[in-house]
Amino acid sequence: MPKLFSDTGLRWLWLTLICLILDQVTKQWVVGSFDLYESLPIFPVFSLTYVQNPGAAFSFLADQDGWQRWFFTAIAAIASVVFIVWLAKTPKSDVLLSIAFALMLSGAMGNLIDRVLFGYVIDFLDFHWSGKRFPAFNVADSVIFIGAALMILDSFISDDNKTESNDTL
């Protein structure tokens, strides 16, 4: 029987923890440093802008009467459990996939914490160009995106290459 933390993707939980701490610290810094909707231009195309998002990505369902808080809380909680199970089932030699799951777990947990504590997600990374704004996001959203991109990249790596890599480890 494999050792759960040393022989599986769970060995990457340290990455989950680091990203989760970074997410929560940056969100609390923004809340403590900015008024709601206050914006600090950093570059011509990027600002730090404190917003509260009761919806999902791109403020999906943000205009609803509150039921979406618990709906998205449940989704994040279920996703977190799924990512932990996937990490536990991923062999340690599947490094890219393990990192992807660890990052997505961190992001799901970061936004889950916000929804449970506040009823909304704290967003602050604000990109804009020629008067058009991309919806603000946060560190949790960023690591979810990076994790998903790594998972897609991993799916393009042929099974032959993975097998060869596993044989050499």
Protein backbone atom coordinates (compact mmCIF):
# COMPACT_ATOMS: atom_id res chain seq x y z
CA MET A 1 0.00 0.00 0.00
CA PRO A 2 1.45 3.40 -0.97
CA LYS A 3 2.18 5.97 1.69
CA LEU A 4 -0.65 8.45 1.29
CA PHE A 5 1.36 11.67 1.52
CA SER A 6 4.72 10.62 0.09
CA ASP A 7 3.60 8.41 -2.80
CA THR A 8 0.64 10.45 -4.11
CA GLY A 9 -0.19 13.94 -5.28
CA LEU A 10 -0.97 14.83 -1.67
CA ARG A 11 2.72 15.58 -1.32
CA TRP A 12 1.86 18.89 -3.07
CA LEU A 13 -0.50 20.08 -0.33
CA TRP A 14 2.26 22.46 0.82
CA LEU A 15 1.70 24.34 -2.46
CA THR A 16 -2.03 24.48 -1.73
CA LEU A 17 -1.31 25.94 1.70
CA ILE A 18 1.15 28.57 0.41
CA CYS A 19 -1.27 29.74 -2.30
CA LEU A 20 -4.17 29.75 0.16
CA ILE A 21 -2.23 31.89 2.61
CA LEU A 22 -1.16 34.25 -0.19
CA ASP A 23 -4.78 34.54 -1.33
CA GLN A 24 -6.16 35.28 2.13
CA VAL A 25 -3.36 37.69 3.09
CA THR A 26 -3.75 39.72 -0.11
CA LYS A 27 -7.53 39.87 0.27
CA GLN A 28 -7.28 41.06 3.87
CA TRP A 29 -4.64 43.61 2.88
CA VAL A 30 -7.01 45.02 0.26
CA VAL A 31 -9.94 45.12 2.70
CA GLY A 32 -7.78 46.88 5.28
CA SER A 33 -6.22 49.31 2.82
CA PHE A 34 -9.05 50.25 0.44
CA ASP A 35 -12.61 51.45 0.66
CA LEU A 36 -15.11 49.45 -1.36
CA TYR A 37 -14.69 50.33 -5.08
CA GLU A 38 -11.55 52.35 -4.36
CA SER A 39 -8.98 51.93 -7.11
CA LEU A 40 -5.22 52.43 -7.21
CA PRO A 41 -3.72 52.60 -10.72
CA ILE A 42 -0.49 50.58 -10.92
CA PHE A 43 0.07 50.51 -14.70
CA PRO A 44 -1.93 52.08 -17.53
CA VAL A 45 -3.75 48.74 -17.98
CA PHE A 46 -3.81 47.47 -14.38
CA SER A 47 -5.22 48.74 -11.09
CA LEU A 48 -5.91 47.38 -7.66
CA THR A 49 -9.65 47.86 -7.15
CA TYR A 50 -11.57 46.51 -4.15
CA VAL A 51 -14.84 44.89 -5.16
CA GLN A 52 -17.13 42.32 -3.56
CA ASN A 53 -18.47 39.61 -5.86
CA PRO A 54 -21.52 37.69 -4.57
CA GLY A 55 -21.67 35.75 -7.84
CA ALA A 56 -19.29 33.44 -9.62
CA ALA A 57 -16.76 34.06 -12.39
CA PHE A 58 -17.45 37.31 -14.26
CA SER A 59 -20.08 38.15 -11.59
CA PHE A 60 -22.37 35.38 -12.91
CA LEU A 61 -25.61 35.44 -10.85
CA ALA A 62 -24.32 38.34 -8.73
CA ASP A 63 -27.64 40.17 -9.07
CA GLN A 64 -29.69 37.39 -7.42
CA ASP A 65 -31.29 37.71 -3.99
CA GLY A 66 -28.76 35.68 -1.99
CA TRP A 67 -29.43 32.03 -2.79
CA GLN A 68 -26.30 31.99 -4.98
CA ARG A 69 -24.10 32.38 -1.87
CA TRP A 70 -24.99 28.90 -0.66
CA PHE A 71 -25.07 27.43 -4.15
CA PHE A 72 -21.50 28.57 -4.91
CA THR A 73 -20.41 27.66 -1.37
CA ALA A 74 -21.62 24.10 -1.95
CA ILE A 75 -19.92 23.93 -5.34
CA ALA A 76 -16.60 25.13 -3.86
CA ALA A 77 -16.85 22.66 -0.97
CA ILE A 78 -17.61 19.75 -3.30
CA ALA A 79 -14.82 20.82 -5.68
CA SER A 80 -12.38 20.94 -2.75
CA VAL A 81 -13.25 17.39 -1.73
CA VAL A 82 -12.95 16.20 -5.34
CA PHE A 83 -9.50 17.81 -5.71
CA ILE A 84 -8.31 16.17 -2.47
CA VAL A 85 -9.53 12.77 -3.66
CA TRP A 86 -7.87 13.30 -7.05
CA LEU A 87 -4.61 14.29 -5.34
CA ALA A 88 -4.77 11.15 -3.20
CA LYS A 89 -5.29 9.01 -6.31
CA THR A 90 -2.61 10.68 -8.43
CA PRO A 91 0.78 8.95 -8.33
CA LYS A 92 3.68 11.13 -7.19
CA SER A 93 5.28 10.71 -10.61
CA ASP A 94 2.40 12.68 -12.16
CA VAL A 95 3.91 15.97 -11.06
CA LEU A 96 2.19 18.34 -13.48
CA LEU A 97 -1.27 16.94 -12.75
CA SER A 98 -0.60 16.98 -9.00
CA ILE A 99 0.44 20.63 -9.14
CA ALA A 100 -2.68 21.43 -11.18
CA PHE A 101 -4.95 19.78 -8.60
CA ALA A 102 -3.10 21.45 -5.70
CA LEU A 103 -3.53 24.89 -7.29
CA MET A 104 -7.21 24.37 -8.09
CA LEU A 105 -7.79 23.10 -4.54
CA SER A 106 -6.17 26.24 -3.15
CA GLY A 107 -8.31 28.52 -5.28
CA ALA A 108 -11.53 26.69 -4.47
CA MET A 109 -10.73 26.83 -0.75
CA GLY A 110 -9.74 30.51 -0.88
CA ASN A 111 -13.03 31.56 -2.44
CA LEU A 112 -14.94 29.12 -0.21
CA ILE A 113 -13.53 30.85 2.87
CA ASP A 114 -14.72 34.23 1.55
CA ARG A 115 -18.22 32.97 0.78
CA VAL A 116 -18.63 31.35 4.21
CA LEU A 117 -17.25 34.33 6.16
CA PHE A 118 -18.60 37.25 4.12
CA GLY A 119 -21.19 36.00 1.63
CA TYR A 120 -19.12 37.25 -1.29
CA VAL A 121 -15.65 36.87 -2.78
CA ILE A 122 -13.12 39.68 -2.39
CA ASP A 123 -11.69 40.66 -5.79
CA PHE A 124 -9.07 43.30 -6.52
CA LEU A 125 -6.95 42.51 -9.59
CA ASP A 126 -8.39 44.85 -12.21
CA PHE A 127 -7.23 44.88 -15.85
CA HIS A 128 -8.60 47.49 -18.26
CA TRP A 129 -7.94 48.80 -21.75
CA SER A 130 -9.47 51.69 -23.69
CA GLY A 131 -12.31 52.14 -21.23
CA LYS A 132 -13.14 48.42 -21.18
CA ARG A 133 -12.67 46.45 -17.97
CA PHE A 134 -12.06 42.76 -17.49
CA PRO A 135 -13.98 41.60 -14.40
CA ALA A 136 -11.82 41.95 -11.28
CA PHE A 137 -10.42 38.75 -9.82
CA ASN A 138 -8.11 37.57 -7.04
CA VAL A 139 -5.21 35.23 -6.28
CA ALA A 140 -7.58 32.26 -5.80
CA ASP A 141 -9.06 32.82 -9.26
CA SER A 142 -5.54 33.10 -10.70
CA VAL A 143 -4.35 29.79 -9.27
CA ILE A 144 -7.56 28.07 -10.42
CA PHE A 145 -6.84 29.33 -13.93
CA ILE A 146 -3.18 28.27 -13.78
CA GLY A 147 -4.17 24.86 -12.40
CA ALA A 148 -6.76 24.35 -15.14
CA ALA A 149 -4.20 25.37 -17.78
CA LEU A 150 -1.69 22.88 -16.35
CA MET A 151 -4.34 20.16 -16.33
CA ILE A 152 -5.08 20.84 -20.01
CA LEU A 153 -1.36 20.86 -20.79
CA ASP A 154 -1.00 17.55 -18.95
CA SER A 155 -3.77 16.06 -21.09
CA PHE A 156 -1.73 16.84 -24.22
CA ILE A 157 1.31 15.00 -22.94
CA SER A 158 1.16 11.61 -24.55
CA ASP A 159 0.73 8.54 -22.37
CA ASP A 160 3.96 7.20 -23.91
CA ASN A 161 5.91 10.20 -22.60
CA LYS A 162 4.31 9.83 -19.17
CA THR A 163 5.14 6.13 -19.10
CA GLU A 164 8.75 6.85 -20.10
CA SER A 165 9.00 9.54 -17.41
CA ASN A 166 7.52 7.25 -14.80
CA ASP A 167 9.97 4.51 -15.70
CA THR A 168 12.94 6.83 -15.20
CA LEU A 169 11.81 8.21 -11.81
